[in-house]
Amino acid sequence: MKTLVVCSGGLDSVSLAHKVAAEHTLIGLISFNYGQRHSKELDYAAKAAERLGVPHDIIDITAIGQHLTGSALTDDLDVPDGHYAEETMKITVVPNRNAIMLTIAFGLAAARQAEAVAVAVHGGDHFIYPDCRPAFIDSFQTMQNHALDGYASVQLFAPFVHVSKAEIVRQGAACDTPFAQTWSCYKGGLKHCGRCGTCVERREAFHLAGIEDPTDYDDPDFWKAATSGFKAEEV
């Protein structure tokens, strides 16, 4: 299956790129600059494409992103610390982000005669992000079937949509994903902060997966207090 992977440069999407390269035919990575808080992660997406020997396109949608206000990922708002599933993490929602990006990705896939677009949404995203839920994935596929009817047939490949981040770590390890060459932290410092929701989730995922975390954190032990009393959902 000739597949174009939407890759942010994070742990999930880079693991997905390696999984697709191992199991299907990876034809390229596509990333988006939407005016996010920092673009450090895009450097890691570029490294993944180089490592896997495929083209990498960075689509500039900053003109759109500047209107998607109210998120700590696009505005000058503090990124909250703590577990990813806490109510405070809703401030990291960028409205309709996945719908916008996937629409563009499907257009590119159709133009390049790809058979699938792969996206790394996973079970841990469902609590906060409506455009990461299975119902969205199914509905988006239906919409694209109509949008490309008679021109192309492109599948939305979301193999992690029903699994936990710990399972992504396991599958990524099985595909030799170099986890140290991925970036998750929302704060974009010299090292992962270890305190923001995505750092806590990342650190916890390695722990639950039973795989050593190679990430260098400013606060490597904060995740223990942040996850205390919270039972991670293993799906």
Foldseek 3Di string as FASTA:
>chain_A
DEEEEAFLQALQRLLVQLVCVVPHHYAEYEYEPQQFPDSVSVVLVVVSCVVSVHYYYYHYNVVVSQPQDQAVGRDVDDFAFFACLDPSVLSHDRPCVVVVVVVVVVVVCLVVQGAEYEYRQACVCVNRYVCLAPVNQVVSQVVVCVVCPPRHHYHYHHPHSYFAVLVSVVSSVVSVRPNQSGDFASNPDPFRACTGNRNLSVLVSCVVNVHDDPGDHPDNPNSVVRCVPPDDDGD
